[in-house]
Amino acid sequence: IFNLLKDLDEVVRKNAATCIREISKHTPELAQLVVSSGALGVIVDYVGETKGNNRLPGIMTLGYIAAFSDALAQHVIANGGVVPLAQALDSEKEDHLRAAAAWSLGQIGRYSSEHSKAVTDAEVLPLLLDAFLDPQSSDDLKTQAKRALKSVVQKCLHLPALQTLLSRAPVNILTHVTG
């Protein structure tokens, strides 16, 4: 099924990504099986190469895998998963896709200062803050952006990344930066 992520037919690719997402989300063992099979790099490529709703199952797969453990989140980082998620957060037009990317980034960055640094190195904090502060953002996007900001900032020891928030972030976000 992993080879189908490289198929020329976009529908086949999306259906393969959806199937992998459904496998990955159930247990840590199944998520580990996806990682151990070497499919993570292909999923990361899929997220980087696709646009719009076709991107969603890949975005969610990366978040589901990272949600299970710090080791699995580290695999997502090591396979370059943060950058395509940041690009999705920045460039997608639909809020549900941006919310999914924010959620996935929050799952990756919540474990330790190393995980958080991997997220902040992709300059994600300003993107999350922009999504949270934008009056045009949906409630779901605002919620996911706020949660991701909170979880990443709470583990962040990289001061330059935190300084980008100081001048623009509202008090409810700054309490996590200074706390």
N, C-alpha and C. Protein backbone atom coordinates (compact mmCIF):
# COMPACT_ATOMS: atom_id res chain seq x y z
N ILE A 1 0.82 -1.21 0.00
CA ILE A 1 0.00 0.00 0.00
C ILE A 1 0.86 1.27 0.00
N PHE A 2 2.05 1.19 0.61
CA PHE A 2 2.91 2.36 0.67
C PHE A 2 3.38 2.80 -0.72
N ASN A 3 3.56 1.85 -1.60
CA ASN A 3 3.97 2.18 -2.97
C ASN A 3 2.88 2.96 -3.70
N LEU A 4 1.63 2.78 -3.27
CA LEU A 4 0.53 3.49 -3.93
C LEU A 4 0.56 4.99 -3.65
N LEU A 5 1.30 5.42 -2.63
CA LEU A 5 1.44 6.85 -2.37
C LEU A 5 2.22 7.56 -3.47
N LYS A 6 2.88 6.80 -4.31
CA LYS A 6 3.63 7.35 -5.44
C LYS A 6 2.92 7.13 -6.78
N ASP A 7 1.70 6.60 -6.73
CA ASP A 7 0.95 6.33 -7.95
C ASP A 7 0.68 7.64 -8.70
N LEU A 8 0.50 7.55 -9.99
CA LEU A 8 0.22 8.74 -10.80
C LEU A 8 -1.21 9.25 -10.61
N ASP A 9 -2.11 8.37 -10.23
CA ASP A 9 -3.51 8.73 -10.04
C ASP A 9 -3.70 9.34 -8.64
N GLU A 10 -4.17 10.58 -8.59
CA GLU A 10 -4.33 11.28 -7.31
C GLU A 10 -5.34 10.59 -6.40
N VAL A 11 -6.38 10.00 -6.97
CA VAL A 11 -7.40 9.31 -6.16
C VAL A 11 -6.79 8.09 -5.49
N VAL A 12 -5.98 7.35 -6.21
CA VAL A 12 -5.30 6.18 -5.65
C VAL A 12 -4.39 6.62 -4.51
N ARG A 13 -3.64 7.70 -4.74
CA ARG A 13 -2.72 8.21 -3.72
C ARG A 13 -3.48 8.63 -2.46
N LYS A 14 -4.57 9.35 -2.64
CA LYS A 14 -5.34 9.80 -1.47
C LYS A 14 -5.94 8.62 -0.73
N ASN A 15 -6.46 7.64 -1.45
CA ASN A 15 -7.04 6.46 -0.80
C ASN A 15 -5.98 5.66 -0.05
N ALA A 16 -4.78 5.56 -0.59
CA ALA A 16 -3.69 4.88 0.10
C ALA A 16 -3.32 5.64 1.38
N ALA A 17 -3.24 6.96 1.28
CA ALA A 17 -2.93 7.78 2.46
C ALA A 17 -4.02 7.65 3.51
N THR A 18 -5.26 7.59 3.08
CA THR A 18 -6.38 7.44 4.02
C THR A 18 -6.30 6.09 4.73
N CYS A 19 -5.97 5.05 4.00
CA CYS A 19 -5.82 3.72 4.59
C CYS A 19 -4.69 3.71 5.63
N ILE A 20 -3.57 4.31 5.29
CA ILE A 20 -2.44 4.37 6.23
C ILE A 20 -2.82 5.19 7.46
N ARG A 21 -3.54 6.27 7.26
CA ARG A 21 -4.01 7.07 8.40
C ARG A 21 -4.88 6.21 9.33
N GLU A 22 -5.80 5.46 8.75
CA GLU A 22 -6.71 4.64 9.55
C GLU A 22 -5.96 3.55 10.32
N ILE A 23 -4.89 3.03 9.75
CA ILE A 23 -4.07 2.04 10.44
C ILE A 23 -3.30 2.71 11.57
N SER A 24 -2.72 3.86 11.29
CA SER A 24 -1.83 4.54 12.23
C SER A 24 -2.51 5.06 13.48
N LYS A 25 -3.77 5.37 13.39
CA LYS A 25 -4.41 6.08 14.50
C LYS A 25 -4.87 5.19 15.64
N HIS A 26 -4.87 3.89 15.47
CA HIS A 26 -5.50 3.02 16.46
C HIS A 26 -4.64 2.65 17.65
N THR A 27 -3.42 2.24 17.43
CA THR A 27 -2.58 1.81 18.54
C THR A 27 -1.13 2.23 18.29
N PRO A 28 -0.36 2.34 19.36
CA PRO A 28 1.06 2.64 19.18
C PRO A 28 1.79 1.56 18.37
N GLU A 29 1.35 0.31 18.53
CA GLU A 29 1.99 -0.78 17.81
C GLU A 29 1.77 -0.66 16.30
N LEU A 30 0.56 -0.29 15.90
CA LEU A 30 0.28 -0.12 14.48
C LEU A 30 1.03 1.09 13.92
N ALA A 31 1.10 2.17 14.71
CA ALA A 31 1.87 3.34 14.28
C ALA A 31 3.35 2.97 14.13
N GLN A 32 3.85 2.18 15.07
CA GLN A 32 5.24 1.73 15.00
C GLN A 32 5.46 0.84 13.79
N LEU A 33 4.47 0.02 13.44
CA LEU A 33 4.57 -0.83 12.26
C LEU A 33 4.71 0.02 10.99
N VAL A 34 3.95 1.09 10.91
CA VAL A 34 4.06 2.00 9.76
C VAL A 34 5.46 2.60 9.71
N VAL A 35 5.96 3.03 10.85
CA VAL A 35 7.30 3.62 10.91
C VAL A 35 8.36 2.58 10.57
N SER A 36 8.26 1.41 11.16
CA SER A 36 9.25 0.35 10.94
C SER A 36 9.29 -0.14 9.50
N SER A 37 8.19 -0.01 8.80
CA SER A 37 8.13 -0.45 7.42
C SER A 37 8.86 0.51 6.48
N GLY A 38 9.28 1.65 7.01
CA GLY A 38 9.97 2.63 6.19
C GLY A 38 9.04 3.57 5.45
N ALA A 39 7.77 3.54 5.79
CA ALA A 39 6.78 4.32 5.06
C ALA A 39 6.73 5.79 5.47
N LEU A 40 7.34 6.14 6.58
CA LEU A 40 7.23 7.51 7.08
C LEU A 40 7.78 8.53 6.09
N GLY A 41 8.90 8.22 5.47
CA GLY A 41 9.46 9.14 4.48
C GLY A 41 8.54 9.34 3.28
N VAL A 42 7.86 8.28 2.88
CA VAL A 42 6.93 8.37 1.76
C VAL A 42 5.71 9.21 2.15
N ILE A 43 5.27 9.07 3.39
CA ILE A 43 4.14 9.87 3.87
C ILE A 43 4.54 11.35 3.93
N VAL A 44 5.73 11.62 4.43
CA VAL A 44 6.23 13.00 4.48
C VAL A 44 6.29 13.59 3.06
N ASP A 45 6.81 12.80 2.12
CA ASP A 45 6.85 13.26 0.72
C ASP A 45 5.44 13.53 0.20
N TYR A 46 4.51 12.67 0.55
CA TYR A 46 3.13 12.82 0.11
C TYR A 46 2.56 14.16 0.61
N VAL A 47 2.79 14.48 1.88
CA VAL A 47 2.30 15.74 2.44
C VAL A 47 2.96 16.92 1.74
N GLY A 48 4.23 16.79 1.41
CA GLY A 48 4.94 17.87 0.74
C GLY A 48 4.54 18.06 -0.71
N GLU A 49 4.09 17.00 -1.36
CA GLU A 49 3.79 17.06 -2.79
C GLU A 49 2.33 17.36 -3.11
N THR A 50 1.44 17.07 -2.20
CA THR A 50 0.01 17.25 -2.48
C THR A 50 -0.49 18.59 -1.96
N LYS A 51 -1.65 18.95 -2.41
CA LYS A 51 -2.29 20.21 -1.98
C LYS A 51 -3.76 19.95 -1.72
N GLY A 52 -4.37 20.85 -0.98
CA GLY A 52 -5.81 20.78 -0.74
C GLY A 52 -6.21 19.56 0.07
N ASN A 53 -7.44 19.12 -0.14
CA ASN A 53 -7.98 18.01 0.64
C ASN A 53 -7.23 16.71 0.47
N ASN A 54 -6.52 16.54 -0.64
CA ASN A 54 -5.72 15.33 -0.81
C ASN A 54 -4.61 15.24 0.23
N ARG A 55 -4.21 16.37 0.76
CA ARG A 55 -3.13 16.44 1.74
C ARG A 55 -3.58 15.98 3.14
N LEU A 56 -4.85 16.08 3.42
CA LEU A 56 -5.35 15.86 4.78
C LEU A 56 -5.00 14.50 5.38
N PRO A 57 -5.19 13.38 4.68
CA PRO A 57 -4.86 12.11 5.34
C PRO A 57 -3.38 12.00 5.71
N GLY A 58 -2.50 12.56 4.92
CA GLY A 58 -1.07 12.54 5.26
C GLY A 58 -0.77 13.41 6.47
N ILE A 59 -1.37 14.59 6.51
CA ILE A 59 -1.19 15.48 7.66
C ILE A 59 -1.63 14.78 8.94
N MET A 60 -2.80 14.17 8.89
CA MET A 60 -3.33 13.50 10.07
C MET A 60 -2.49 12.28 10.46
N THR A 61 -1.99 11.56 9.47
CA THR A 61 -1.15 10.39 9.76
C THR A 61 0.08 10.80 10.57
N LEU A 62 0.74 11.87 10.16
CA LEU A 62 1.92 12.33 10.89
C LEU A 62 1.56 12.72 12.33
N GLY A 63 0.42 13.37 12.50
CA GLY A 63 -0.01 13.74 13.84
C GLY A 63 -0.37 12.54 14.69
N TYR A 64 -1.09 11.57 14.11
CA TYR A 64 -1.45 10.37 14.87
C TYR A 64 -0.22 9.59 15.30
N ILE A 65 0.74 9.44 14.40
CA ILE A 65 1.96 8.72 14.76
C ILE A 65 2.70 9.44 15.88
N ALA A 66 2.85 10.75 15.76
CA ALA A 66 3.57 11.53 16.77
C ALA A 66 2.84 11.54 18.11
N ALA A 67 1.53 11.42 18.09
CA ALA A 67 0.75 11.51 19.33
C ALA A 67 1.02 10.35 20.28
N PHE A 68 1.47 9.23 19.78
CA PHE A 68 1.61 8.05 20.63
C PHE A 68 2.81 8.08 21.56
N SER A 69 3.93 8.63 21.13
CA SER A 69 5.11 8.64 22.01
C SER A 69 6.15 9.62 21.52
N ASP A 70 7.05 9.95 22.42
CA ASP A 70 8.14 10.85 22.05
C ASP A 70 9.05 10.20 21.01
N ALA A 71 9.24 8.89 21.09
CA ALA A 71 10.09 8.20 20.11
C ALA A 71 9.47 8.24 18.72
N LEU A 72 8.16 8.02 18.64
CA LEU A 72 7.51 8.09 17.34
C LEU A 72 7.51 9.52 16.80
N ALA A 73 7.32 10.50 17.68
CA ALA A 73 7.41 11.90 17.25
C ALA A 73 8.81 12.21 16.74
N GLN A 74 9.82 11.63 17.37
CA GLN A 74 11.19 11.84 16.91
C GLN A 74 11.39 11.24 15.52
N HIS A 75 10.74 10.12 15.24
CA HIS A 75 10.82 9.54 13.89
C HIS A 75 10.21 10.48 12.86
N VAL A 76 9.10 11.12 13.22
CA VAL A 76 8.47 12.08 12.31
C VAL A 76 9.44 13.24 12.04
N ILE A 77 10.09 13.71 13.09
CA ILE A 77 11.07 14.79 12.95
C ILE A 77 12.24 14.33 12.08
N ALA A 78 12.78 13.16 12.37
CA ALA A 78 13.95 12.66 11.65
C ALA A 78 13.67 12.43 10.17
N ASN A 79 12.42 12.16 9.84
CA ASN A 79 12.04 11.94 8.44
C ASN A 79 11.59 13.23 7.75
N GLY A 80 11.79 14.36 8.41
CA GLY A 80 11.51 15.66 7.79
C GLY A 80 10.05 16.04 7.78
N GLY A 81 9.27 15.54 8.73
CA GLY A 81 7.83 15.79 8.74
C GLY A 81 7.41 17.19 9.15
N VAL A 82 8.26 17.92 9.85
CA VAL A 82 7.87 19.23 10.37
C VAL A 82 7.71 20.26 9.23
N VAL A 83 8.63 20.29 8.30
CA VAL A 83 8.60 21.32 7.25
C VAL A 83 7.34 21.23 6.39
N PRO A 84 6.95 20.06 5.87
CA PRO A 84 5.72 20.04 5.07
C PRO A 84 4.47 20.38 5.88
N LEU A 85 4.48 20.06 7.17
CA LEU A 85 3.36 20.46 8.02
C LEU A 85 3.33 21.98 8.18
N ALA A 86 4.49 22.58 8.38
CA ALA A 86 4.58 24.04 8.48
C ALA A 86 4.12 24.69 7.17
N GLN A 87 4.51 24.10 6.05
CA GLN A 87 4.08 24.63 4.76
C GLN A 87 2.57 24.53 4.59
N ALA A 88 1.99 23.44 5.06
CA ALA A 88 0.54 23.29 4.98
C ALA A 88 -0.15 24.34 5.85
N LEU A 89 0.37 24.55 7.05
CA LEU A 89 -0.19 25.57 7.94
C LEU A 89 -0.11 26.95 7.30
N ASP A 90 0.97 27.21 6.61
CA ASP A 90 1.19 28.52 6.01
C ASP A 90 0.44 28.73 4.70
N SER A 91 0.37 27.71 3.87
CA SER A 91 -0.10 27.93 2.50
C SER A 91 -1.50 27.43 2.18
N GLU A 92 -2.03 26.52 2.95
CA GLU A 92 -3.37 26.02 2.63
C GLU A 92 -4.40 27.12 2.85
N LYS A 93 -5.42 27.11 2.04
CA LYS A 93 -6.46 28.14 2.11
C LYS A 93 -7.60 27.74 3.05
N GLU A 94 -7.85 26.45 3.16
CA GLU A 94 -8.98 26.00 3.97
C GLU A 94 -8.55 25.79 5.41
N ASP A 95 -9.38 26.32 6.31
CA ASP A 95 -9.04 26.29 7.73
C ASP A 95 -8.96 24.88 8.31
N HIS A 96 -9.77 23.94 7.82
CA HIS A 96 -9.70 22.59 8.40
C HIS A 96 -8.36 21.93 8.10
N LEU A 97 -7.75 22.25 6.97
CA LEU A 97 -6.43 21.71 6.66
C LEU A 97 -5.36 22.37 7.53
N ARG A 98 -5.49 23.66 7.71
CA ARG A 98 -4.54 24.39 8.57
C ARG A 98 -4.68 23.94 10.02
N ALA A 99 -5.91 23.68 10.46
CA ALA A 99 -6.14 23.20 11.83
C ALA A 99 -5.50 21.82 12.02
N ALA A 100 -5.63 20.96 11.03
CA ALA A 100 -5.02 19.63 11.11
C ALA A 100 -3.50 19.75 11.18
N ALA A 101 -2.93 20.65 10.40
CA ALA A 101 -1.47 20.85 10.43
C ALA A 101 -1.04 21.39 11.79
N ALA A 102 -1.80 22.34 12.33
CA ALA A 102 -1.48 22.89 13.66
C ALA A 102 -1.54 21.79 14.71
N TRP A 103 -2.57 20.95 14.66
CA TRP A 103 -2.71 19.85 15.61
C TRP A 103 -1.51 18.91 15.51
N SER A 104 -1.15 18.53 14.30
CA SER A 104 -0.03 17.61 14.11
C SER A 104 1.28 18.21 14.61
N LEU A 105 1.51 19.48 14.35
CA LEU A 105 2.72 20.14 14.84
C LEU A 105 2.74 20.18 16.37
N GLY A 106 1.59 20.40 16.97
CA GLY A 106 1.49 20.36 18.43
C GLY A 106 1.81 18.99 18.99
N GLN A 107 1.37 17.94 18.31
CA GLN A 107 1.67 16.58 18.74
C GLN A 107 3.16 16.29 18.68
N ILE A 108 3.81 16.81 17.67
CA ILE A 108 5.25 16.58 17.50
C ILE A 108 6.05 17.34 18.55
N GLY A 109 5.69 18.57 18.83
CA GLY A 109 6.51 19.44 19.67
C GLY A 109 6.25 19.40 21.15
N ARG A 110 5.36 18.55 21.61
CA ARG A 110 4.92 18.61 23.01
C ARG A 110 5.75 17.81 24.00
N TYR A 111 6.69 17.02 23.55
CA TYR A 111 7.34 16.08 24.45
C TYR A 111 8.54 16.61 25.21
N SER A 112 9.41 17.33 24.54
CA SER A 112 10.66 17.76 25.18
C SER A 112 11.17 19.02 24.49
N SER A 113 12.24 19.56 25.04
CA SER A 113 12.81 20.75 24.42
C SER A 113 13.39 20.43 23.04
N GLU A 114 13.87 19.21 22.83
CA GLU A 114 14.38 18.83 21.52
C GLU A 114 13.25 18.76 20.49
N HIS A 115 12.13 18.18 20.89
CA HIS A 115 10.97 18.12 20.00
C HIS A 115 10.47 19.53 19.69
N SER A 116 10.39 20.34 20.72
CA SER A 116 9.93 21.71 20.55
C SER A 116 10.88 22.49 19.63
N LYS A 117 12.17 22.29 19.79
CA LYS A 117 13.14 23.01 18.95
C LYS A 117 12.99 22.61 17.49
N ALA A 118 12.70 21.35 17.23
CA ALA A 118 12.51 20.91 15.85
C ALA A 118 11.33 21.65 15.22
N VAL A 119 10.30 21.90 16.00
CA VAL A 119 9.13 22.63 15.50
C VAL A 119 9.46 24.12 15.36
N THR A 120 10.12 24.68 16.35
CA THR A 120 10.41 26.12 16.29
C THR A 120 11.45 26.44 15.23
N ASP A 121 12.35 25.50 14.94
CA ASP A 121 13.34 25.73 13.89
C ASP A 121 12.69 25.90 12.51
N ALA A 122 11.49 25.35 12.35
CA ALA A 122 10.75 25.53 11.09
C ALA A 122 9.93 26.82 11.11
N GLU A 123 10.19 27.66 12.11
CA GLU A 123 9.51 28.95 12.26
C GLU A 123 7.99 28.82 12.28
N VAL A 124 7.55 27.85 13.08
CA VAL A 124 6.13 27.55 13.18
C VAL A 124 5.40 28.46 14.18
N LEU A 125 6.10 28.92 15.21
CA LEU A 125 5.41 29.71 16.24
C LEU A 125 4.72 30.95 15.67
N PRO A 126 5.37 31.74 14.81
CA PRO A 126 4.66 32.89 14.24
C PRO A 126 3.46 32.48 13.39
N LEU A 127 3.57 31.35 12.70
CA LEU A 127 2.44 30.87 11.89
C LEU A 127 1.26 30.47 12.77
N LEU A 128 1.56 29.79 13.87
CA LEU A 128 0.50 29.42 14.80
C LEU A 128 -0.14 30.65 15.43
N LEU A 129 0.69 31.61 15.80
CA LEU A 129 0.17 32.84 16.40
C LEU A 129 -0.70 33.59 15.40
N ASP A 130 -0.25 33.68 14.15
CA ASP A 130 -1.05 34.35 13.12
C ASP A 130 -2.41 33.67 12.95
N ALA A 131 -2.41 32.34 12.93
CA ALA A 131 -3.67 31.60 12.79
C ALA A 131 -4.58 31.85 13.98
N PHE A 132 -4.00 31.91 15.17
CA PHE A 132 -4.78 32.15 16.38
C PHE A 132 -5.36 33.57 16.41
N LEU A 133 -4.58 34.55 15.98
CA LEU A 133 -5.00 35.95 16.06
C LEU A 133 -5.88 36.41 14.90
N ASP A 134 -5.87 35.70 13.80
CA ASP A 134 -6.61 36.10 12.61
C ASP A 134 -8.11 36.04 12.87
N PRO A 135 -8.81 37.18 12.78
CA PRO A 135 -10.26 37.15 13.02
C PRO A 135 -11.02 36.32 11.98
N GLN A 136 -10.41 36.07 10.84
CA GLN A 136 -11.05 35.26 9.80
C GLN A 136 -10.88 33.76 10.03
N SER A 137 -10.02 33.37 10.98
CA SER A 137 -9.81 31.95 11.25
C SER A 137 -11.05 31.33 11.88
N SER A 138 -11.29 30.08 11.53
CA SER A 138 -12.41 29.35 12.14
C SER A 138 -12.11 29.09 13.61
N ASP A 139 -13.15 28.79 14.36
CA ASP A 139 -12.97 28.47 15.78
C ASP A 139 -12.05 27.27 15.96
N ASP A 140 -12.21 26.26 15.09
CA ASP A 140 -11.38 25.07 15.20
C ASP A 140 -9.91 25.40 14.95
N LEU A 141 -9.63 26.21 13.94
CA LEU A 141 -8.24 26.59 13.67
C LEU A 141 -7.68 27.37 14.85
N LYS A 142 -8.44 28.29 15.39
CA LYS A 142 -7.96 29.06 16.55
C LYS A 142 -7.67 28.14 17.73
N THR A 143 -8.56 27.19 17.97
CA THR A 143 -8.37 26.25 19.08
C THR A 143 -7.12 25.39 18.89
N GLN A 144 -6.97 24.84 17.68
CA GLN A 144 -5.81 23.98 17.42
C GLN A 144 -4.51 24.78 17.45
N ALA A 145 -4.54 25.99 16.94
CA ALA A 145 -3.34 26.83 16.97
C ALA A 145 -2.96 27.18 18.40
N LYS A 146 -3.95 27.52 19.21
CA LYS A 146 -3.68 27.86 20.61
C LYS A 146 -3.12 26.66 21.37
N ARG A 147 -3.73 25.49 21.18
CA ARG A 147 -3.24 24.28 21.86
C ARG A 147 -1.82 23.93 21.42
N ALA A 148 -1.56 24.05 20.12
CA ALA A 148 -0.21 23.74 19.63
C ALA A 148 0.80 24.75 20.18
N LEU A 149 0.45 26.03 20.16
CA LEU A 149 1.33 27.04 20.73
C LEU A 149 1.65 26.72 22.18
N LYS A 150 0.63 26.43 22.94
CA LYS A 150 0.80 26.14 24.36
C LYS A 150 1.71 24.94 24.57
N SER A 151 1.46 23.85 23.85
CA SER A 151 2.24 22.63 24.08
C SER A 151 3.69 22.79 23.64
N VAL A 152 3.92 23.50 22.54
CA VAL A 152 5.29 23.69 22.05
C VAL A 152 6.04 24.69 22.93
N VAL A 153 5.38 25.78 23.28
CA VAL A 153 6.03 26.82 24.09
C VAL A 153 6.37 26.30 25.49
N GLN A 154 5.54 25.46 26.06
CA GLN A 154 5.81 24.93 27.40
C GLN A 154 7.09 24.11 27.46
N LYS A 155 7.50 23.54 26.35
CA LYS A 155 8.73 22.73 26.32
C LYS A 155 9.90 23.47 25.69
N CYS A 156 9.65 24.66 25.20
CA CYS A 156 10.66 25.38 24.43
C CYS A 156 11.70 26.05 25.34
N LEU A 157 12.96 25.77 25.07
CA LEU A 157 14.07 26.42 25.76
C LEU A 157 14.88 27.31 24.82
N HIS A 158 14.45 27.38 23.59
CA HIS A 158 15.14 28.15 22.55
C HIS A 158 14.62 29.60 22.60
N LEU A 159 15.37 30.46 23.27
CA LEU A 159 14.92 31.83 23.52
C LEU A 159 14.61 32.65 22.27
N PRO A 160 15.41 32.57 21.20
CA PRO A 160 15.05 33.36 20.01
C PRO A 160 13.65 33.00 19.47
N ALA A 161 13.28 31.76 19.56
CA ALA A 161 11.94 31.36 19.09
C ALA A 161 10.86 31.98 19.97
N LEU A 162 11.10 32.00 21.27
CA LEU A 162 10.12 32.58 22.19
C LEU A 162 10.04 34.10 22.03
N GLN A 163 11.16 34.73 21.71
CA GLN A 163 11.17 36.18 21.55
C GLN A 163 10.29 36.65 20.40
N THR A 164 10.09 35.80 19.41
CA THR A 164 9.23 36.18 18.29
C THR A 164 7.78 36.36 18.74
N LEU A 165 7.44 35.79 19.88
CA LEU A 165 6.06 35.89 20.37
C LEU A 165 5.84 37.08 21.30
N LEU A 166 6.90 37.56 21.92
CA LEU A 166 6.75 38.55 23.00
C LEU A 166 6.03 39.83 22.59
N SER A 167 6.27 40.32 21.42
CA SER A 167 5.68 41.61 21.05
C SER A 167 4.25 41.49 20.53
N ARG A 168 3.84 40.29 20.12
CA ARG A 168 2.53 40.16 19.45
C ARG A 168 1.53 39.28 20.17
N ALA A 169 2.00 38.40 21.02
CA ALA A 169 1.11 37.41 21.62
C ALA A 169 0.21 38.02 22.69
N PRO A 170 -1.04 37.58 22.75
CA PRO A 170 -1.92 38.04 23.83
C PRO A 170 -1.50 37.44 25.17
N VAL A 171 -2.04 37.98 26.23
CA VAL A 171 -1.65 37.59 27.59
C VAL A 171 -1.85 36.08 27.81
N ASN A 172 -2.94 35.52 27.30
CA ASN A 172 -3.18 34.09 27.56
C ASN A 172 -2.13 33.18 26.91
N ILE A 173 -1.42 33.67 25.91
CA ILE A 173 -0.31 32.93 25.31
C ILE A 173 0.99 33.28 26.03
N LEU A 174 1.15 34.55 26.38
CA LEU A 174 2.38 34.99 27.05
C LEU A 174 2.58 34.30 28.40
N THR A 175 1.50 33.92 29.06
CA THR A 175 1.67 33.22 30.34
C THR A 175 2.42 31.92 30.16
N HIS A 176 2.30 31.28 29.00
CA HIS A 176 3.04 30.05 28.74
C HIS A 176 4.47 30.34 28.33
N VAL A 177 4.71 31.50 27.71
CA VAL A 177 6.06 31.88 27.32
C VAL A 177 6.88 32.23 28.56
N THR A 178 6.28 32.96 29.48
CA THR A 178 7.01 33.44 30.66
C THR A 178 6.89 32.50 31.83
N GLY A 179 5.97 31.52 31.77
CA GLY A 179 5.74 30.63 32.90
C GLY A 179 6.63 29.53 32.93
